Protein backbone atom coordinates (compact mmCIF):
# COMPACT_ATOMS: atom_id res chain seq x y z
CA MET A 1 136.85 100.37 65.19
CA LEU A 2 133.59 102.42 64.18
CA ALA A 3 133.31 99.65 61.47
CA PHE A 4 133.32 96.51 64.06
CA ALA A 5 131.10 98.69 66.81
CA SER A 6 128.57 99.70 64.63
CA MET A 7 128.39 96.00 63.38
CA LEU A 8 127.84 94.74 66.86
CA LEU A 9 125.34 97.25 67.39
CA ALA A 10 123.33 96.34 64.51
CA ALA A 11 123.46 92.53 65.96
CA ALA A 12 122.55 93.24 68.98
CA THR A 13 119.42 95.20 68.47
CA ALA A 14 118.53 93.39 64.69
CA ASP A 15 118.68 89.64 65.78
CA PRO A 16 116.15 88.48 68.54
CA ALA A 17 118.29 85.13 68.91
CA ILE A 18 120.64 87.37 70.35
CA GLY A 19 121.28 86.22 74.17
CA ARG A 20 119.28 82.87 73.88
CA VAL A 21 121.55 80.22 74.95
CA VAL A 22 122.89 78.09 72.23
CA ASN A 23 123.68 74.29 72.81
CA PRO A 24 127.05 73.79 71.06
CA ARG A 25 126.12 69.29 71.25
CA GLY A 26 123.49 70.61 68.47
CA PRO A 27 121.07 67.33 68.13
CA GLY A 28 123.22 65.36 70.86
CA SER A 29 121.62 66.73 73.96
CA LEU A 30 118.27 65.69 72.46
CA THR A 31 116.25 62.99 73.95
CA CYS A 32 116.41 59.92 71.54
CA ALA A 33 112.51 60.05 70.95
CA THR A 34 112.92 63.93 69.83
CA ALA A 35 116.16 63.11 67.78
CA PHE A 36 114.20 60.97 65.51
CA LEU A 37 111.29 63.03 64.52
CA PRO A 38 111.00 63.38 60.59
CA GLU A 39 111.41 67.55 61.30
CA ASN A 40 114.90 66.54 62.94
CA ARG A 41 116.22 63.59 61.53
CA ALA A 42 118.71 65.14 58.55
CA ALA A 43 120.03 67.11 61.45
CA THR A 44 120.59 63.96 63.93
CA GLU A 45 121.86 61.97 61.31
CA ASN A 46 124.39 64.77 60.44
CA TRP A 47 125.50 64.90 63.76
CA ILE A 48 125.68 61.20 63.93
CA ALA A 49 127.91 60.72 61.29
CA GLY A 50 130.35 63.47 62.20
CA PHE A 51 130.51 62.44 66.44
CA TRP A 52 131.01 58.62 64.84
CA ALA A 53 133.73 60.00 62.77
CA ALA A 54 135.61 62.55 65.23
CA TRP A 55 135.57 59.40 67.52
CA ASP A 56 137.29 57.21 65.24
CA MET A 57 139.54 59.72 64.39
CA SER A 58 140.16 59.97 68.07
CA GLN A 59 141.64 56.67 68.43
CA ILE A 60 143.46 56.43 65.40
CA THR A 61 146.88 55.61 67.13
CA LYS A 62 144.51 52.88 69.00
CA ALA A 63 142.38 50.76 66.79
CA GLU A 64 140.91 50.66 63.55
CA PRO A 65 137.67 53.04 62.53
CA LEU A 66 134.53 51.18 64.47
CA ALA A 67 132.34 49.73 62.14
CA GLY A 68 134.89 50.75 58.90
CA SER A 69 132.54 48.75 56.62
CA SER A 70 129.65 50.02 57.28
CA ASP A 71 128.09 53.52 55.86
CA LEU A 72 125.77 55.99 57.13
CA ASN A 73 122.48 54.33 56.93
CA GLY A 74 124.04 51.02 59.26
CA ILE A 75 125.64 53.35 62.29
CA VAL A 76 122.14 55.50 62.21
CA GLY A 77 120.37 51.93 62.63
CA GLU A 78 122.66 51.07 65.20
CA VAL A 79 121.76 54.33 66.99
CA GLU A 80 118.17 54.14 66.50
CA LYS A 81 117.86 50.55 67.86
CA ILE A 82 119.36 51.77 71.36
CA CYS A 83 116.98 54.70 70.93
CA ARG A 84 113.86 52.36 70.35
CA GLU A 85 115.22 50.68 73.88
CA LYS A 86 115.77 54.15 75.62
CA PRO A 87 113.55 56.96 74.45
CA SER A 88 114.50 59.43 76.98
CA SER A 89 118.41 58.99 76.64
CA SER A 90 120.09 61.84 75.26
CA LEU A 91 121.28 61.18 71.50
CA ILE A 92 124.91 61.27 72.98
CA PHE A 93 124.93 59.01 75.22
CA ALA A 94 122.70 56.88 72.78
CA THR A 95 125.27 56.90 69.90
CA LEU A 96 128.03 56.35 72.78
CA ASP A 97 125.87 52.89 73.80
CA ALA A 98 125.76 51.94 69.98
CA ARG A 99 129.48 52.30 70.01
CA GLN A 100 129.67 50.15 72.43
CA ALA A 101 127.59 47.38 71.33
CA VAL A 102 129.42 47.46 67.73
CA LYS A 103 132.57 47.47 68.85
CA ALA A 104 131.79 43.80 71.82
CA ARG A 105 129.86 42.40 68.24
CA GLU A 106 132.93 42.96 66.41
CA GLU A 107 135.71 42.06 68.94
CA SER A 108 133.38 38.67 69.53
CA PRO A 109 134.94 35.28 68.86
CA ALA A 110 133.03 34.91 65.89
CA ASN A 111 133.97 37.64 64.09
CA VAL A 112 137.46 37.73 65.18
CA GLY A 113 139.58 36.97 61.78
CA SER A 114 136.46 37.57 59.30
């Protein structure tokens, strides 16, 4: 118990980040304009990959993965396309819009059965 209390005291006094608000959505809460800045790009791409894959997994009993034949660059490109149109949108909503656009394109009569 004493070790735990010492650890808490050390953490509370030594780390200036303690008490700051941490956004659990990470880059998803950034605007598109900020998310794709060079210093944020790697974290943004990782966030998009994780969000897209998690969304696919949540829908696994209902459908095949969306853009299953694509790769990370293709998926990020879809989100970037939305972000160029709506730079003040949050990355999470731009990613959801990109998913809707890809789904509509994949379900269009021209692509069904191909």
